[in-house]
N, C-alpha and C. Protein backbone atom coordinates (compact mmCIF):
# COMPACT_ATOMS: atom_id res chain seq x y z
N MET A 1 127.12 71.83 86.41
CA MET A 1 126.42 72.63 87.25
C MET A 1 126.97 73.96 87.33
N PRO A 2 126.19 74.91 87.18
CA PRO A 2 126.71 76.31 87.22
C PRO A 2 127.08 76.79 88.76
N LYS A 3 127.96 77.79 88.85
CA LYS A 3 128.17 78.18 90.29
C LYS A 3 126.99 79.05 90.80
N MET A 4 126.77 79.07 92.09
CA MET A 4 125.87 79.93 92.79
C MET A 4 126.51 81.24 92.84
N LYS A 5 125.77 82.31 92.59
CA LYS A 5 126.15 83.60 92.67
C LYS A 5 125.74 84.36 93.92
N THR A 6 126.35 85.20 94.31
CA THR A 6 126.02 85.97 95.49
C THR A 6 125.29 87.31 94.89
N LYS A 7 124.25 87.75 95.41
CA LYS A 7 123.60 89.00 94.83
C LYS A 7 124.35 90.12 95.18
N SER A 8 124.61 91.05 94.18
CA SER A 8 125.50 92.12 94.39
C SER A 8 124.94 93.19 95.25
N SER A 9 123.54 93.27 95.33
CA SER A 9 123.04 94.24 96.39
C SER A 9 123.14 93.76 97.67
N ALA A 10 123.12 92.42 97.94
CA ALA A 10 123.32 91.92 99.32
C ALA A 10 124.72 92.17 99.78
N LYS A 11 125.68 92.08 98.86
CA LYS A 11 127.03 92.35 99.36
C LYS A 11 127.31 93.58 99.91
N LYS A 12 126.50 94.62 99.20
CA LYS A 12 126.70 95.92 99.78
C LYS A 12 125.86 96.31 100.99
N ARG A 13 124.90 95.48 101.45
CA ARG A 13 124.21 95.82 102.52
C ARG A 13 124.13 95.03 103.71
N PHE A 14 124.79 93.75 103.58
CA PHE A 14 124.82 92.80 104.76
C PHE A 14 126.25 92.46 104.86
N LYS A 15 126.65 92.02 106.16
CA LYS A 15 127.92 91.52 106.37
C LYS A 15 127.66 90.24 107.39
N ILE A 16 128.43 89.23 107.32
CA ILE A 16 128.15 88.09 108.13
C ILE A 16 129.25 87.98 109.26
N THR A 17 128.94 87.87 110.44
CA THR A 17 129.91 87.89 111.50
C THR A 17 130.69 86.61 111.60
N ALA A 18 131.54 86.48 112.58
CA ALA A 18 132.31 85.24 112.56
C ALA A 18 131.59 84.08 113.21
N THR A 19 130.48 84.50 113.83
CA THR A 19 129.53 83.30 114.54
C THR A 19 128.49 83.10 113.57
N GLY A 20 128.38 83.81 112.49
CA GLY A 20 127.33 83.37 111.48
C GLY A 20 126.23 84.21 111.47
N LYS A 21 126.19 85.21 112.22
CA LYS A 21 124.97 86.26 112.45
C LYS A 21 125.14 87.23 111.17
N VAL A 22 123.95 87.98 110.89
CA VAL A 22 124.04 88.88 109.81
C VAL A 22 123.90 90.28 110.35
N LYS A 23 124.86 91.16 109.99
CA LYS A 23 124.79 92.64 110.41
C LYS A 23 124.20 93.44 109.31
N ALA A 24 123.43 94.35 109.62
CA ALA A 24 122.81 95.34 108.61
C ALA A 24 122.63 96.70 109.19
N ALA A 25 122.47 97.63 108.41
CA ALA A 25 122.16 99.03 108.77
C ALA A 25 120.78 99.09 109.25
N ILE A 26 120.55 100.12 110.05
CA ILE A 26 119.20 100.22 110.73
C ILE A 26 118.29 100.96 109.60
N ALA A 27 117.21 100.49 109.44
CA ALA A 27 116.22 101.09 108.54
C ALA A 27 115.59 102.41 108.90
N GLY A 28 115.28 103.27 108.00
CA GLY A 28 114.49 104.51 108.28
C GLY A 28 115.29 105.81 108.59
N LYS A 29 116.63 105.76 108.05
CA LYS A 29 117.46 107.01 108.13
C LYS A 29 117.78 107.69 106.95
N ARG A 30 117.18 107.42 105.89
CA ARG A 30 117.53 108.01 104.63
C ARG A 30 117.01 109.43 104.38
N HIS A 31 115.90 109.62 104.80
CA HIS A 31 115.31 110.96 104.68
C HIS A 31 114.23 111.18 105.75
N GLY A 32 113.65 112.31 105.86
CA GLY A 32 112.66 112.60 106.71
C GLY A 32 113.00 112.63 108.30
N MET A 33 114.12 113.09 108.48
CA MET A 33 114.73 113.03 109.83
C MET A 33 113.98 114.09 110.70
N ILE A 34 113.51 115.11 110.11
CA ILE A 34 112.88 116.13 111.01
C ILE A 34 111.80 115.57 111.80
N LYS A 35 111.00 114.70 111.22
CA LYS A 35 109.87 114.08 112.01
C LYS A 35 110.24 113.13 112.86
N ARG A 36 111.60 112.42 112.82
CA ARG A 36 111.81 111.51 113.69
C ARG A 36 112.26 112.17 115.08
N THR A 37 112.21 111.30 116.18
CA THR A 37 112.59 111.85 117.38
C THR A 37 114.07 111.67 117.56
N ASN A 38 114.65 112.52 118.59
CA ASN A 38 116.12 112.40 118.70
C ASN A 38 116.30 111.05 119.27
N LYS A 39 115.66 110.39 119.98
CA LYS A 39 115.77 109.18 120.66
C LYS A 39 116.01 107.94 119.46
N PHE A 40 115.10 108.10 118.46
CA PHE A 40 115.10 107.24 117.32
C PHE A 40 116.53 107.40 116.52
N ILE A 41 116.79 108.60 116.27
CA ILE A 41 118.08 108.93 115.47
C ILE A 41 119.34 108.44 116.20
N ARG A 42 119.29 108.52 117.57
CA ARG A 42 120.39 108.12 118.40
C ARG A 42 120.42 106.50 118.24
N ASP A 43 119.34 105.92 118.47
CA ASP A 43 119.35 104.41 118.47
C ASP A 43 119.48 103.82 117.19
N ALA A 44 119.46 104.66 116.10
CA ALA A 44 119.43 104.06 114.81
C ALA A 44 120.95 104.38 114.18
N ARG A 45 121.79 104.62 114.86
CA ARG A 45 123.22 104.80 114.48
C ARG A 45 123.95 103.50 114.28
N GLY A 46 124.80 103.30 113.44
CA GLY A 46 125.53 102.15 113.34
C GLY A 46 124.88 101.00 112.67
N THR A 47 125.10 99.75 113.04
CA THR A 47 124.50 98.62 112.56
C THR A 47 123.83 97.92 113.69
N MET A 48 123.03 96.82 113.25
CA MET A 48 122.43 95.94 114.13
C MET A 48 122.46 94.53 113.80
N VAL A 49 122.13 93.54 114.54
CA VAL A 49 122.27 92.25 114.13
C VAL A 49 120.72 91.84 113.87
N LEU A 50 120.55 91.12 112.66
CA LEU A 50 119.29 90.71 112.21
C LEU A 50 118.72 89.66 113.13
N ALA A 51 117.39 89.52 113.32
CA ALA A 51 116.93 88.41 114.01
C ALA A 51 117.13 87.04 113.37
N GLU A 52 117.16 86.09 114.13
CA GLU A 52 117.84 84.62 113.59
C GLU A 52 116.98 84.29 112.34
N PRO A 53 115.65 84.28 112.24
CA PRO A 53 114.98 83.81 111.07
C PRO A 53 115.32 84.64 109.85
N ASP A 54 115.39 86.11 110.13
CA ASP A 54 115.68 86.90 109.02
C ASP A 54 117.02 86.63 108.53
N GLY A 55 117.94 86.48 109.31
CA GLY A 55 119.39 86.09 108.97
C GLY A 55 119.50 84.88 108.07
N ARG A 56 118.77 83.91 108.42
CA ARG A 56 118.78 82.57 107.64
C ARG A 56 118.24 82.87 106.29
N LYS A 57 117.17 83.66 106.08
CA LYS A 57 116.74 83.92 104.89
C LYS A 57 117.65 84.71 103.96
N VAL A 58 118.38 85.66 104.55
CA VAL A 58 119.35 86.49 103.83
C VAL A 58 120.52 85.48 103.27
N ILE A 59 120.94 84.67 104.18
CA ILE A 59 122.09 83.84 103.89
C ILE A 59 121.63 82.76 102.77
N LYS A 60 120.48 82.27 102.97
CA LYS A 60 120.11 81.22 101.99
C LYS A 60 119.83 81.67 100.68
N ASN A 61 119.14 82.90 100.71
CA ASN A 61 118.70 83.40 99.24
C ASN A 61 119.67 84.34 98.63
N TYR A 62 120.32 85.16 99.38
CA TYR A 62 121.19 86.27 98.82
C TYR A 62 122.82 86.07 98.88
N LEU A 63 123.12 85.32 100.07
CA LEU A 63 124.47 85.10 100.22
C LEU A 63 124.99 83.61 100.40
N PRO A 64 124.69 82.93 99.45
CA PRO A 64 125.11 81.37 99.64
C PRO A 64 126.34 81.04 99.80
N ASN A 65 127.29 81.92 99.30
CA ASN A 65 128.72 81.65 99.47
C ASN A 65 129.37 82.31 100.88
N GLY A 66 128.40 82.85 101.64
CA GLY A 66 128.97 83.44 102.89
C GLY A 66 129.69 84.67 102.82
N LEU A 67 129.67 85.27 101.59
CA LEU A 67 130.30 86.56 101.51
C LEU A 67 131.82 86.59 101.70
């Protein structure tokens, strides 16, 4: 049986916390910041924890080894 591989793109985009939650960067900050509100820019700093169903999908499909 071949080994299960982690998706290389997922390694760069997600981190798994000690409790098993998935952290990711906040979307919508790559370009077009002039049209964004200052509140959006402030709130989009750093990382966020994905919702539980989304986190399960990321781990199952892209990070089977837990990174």
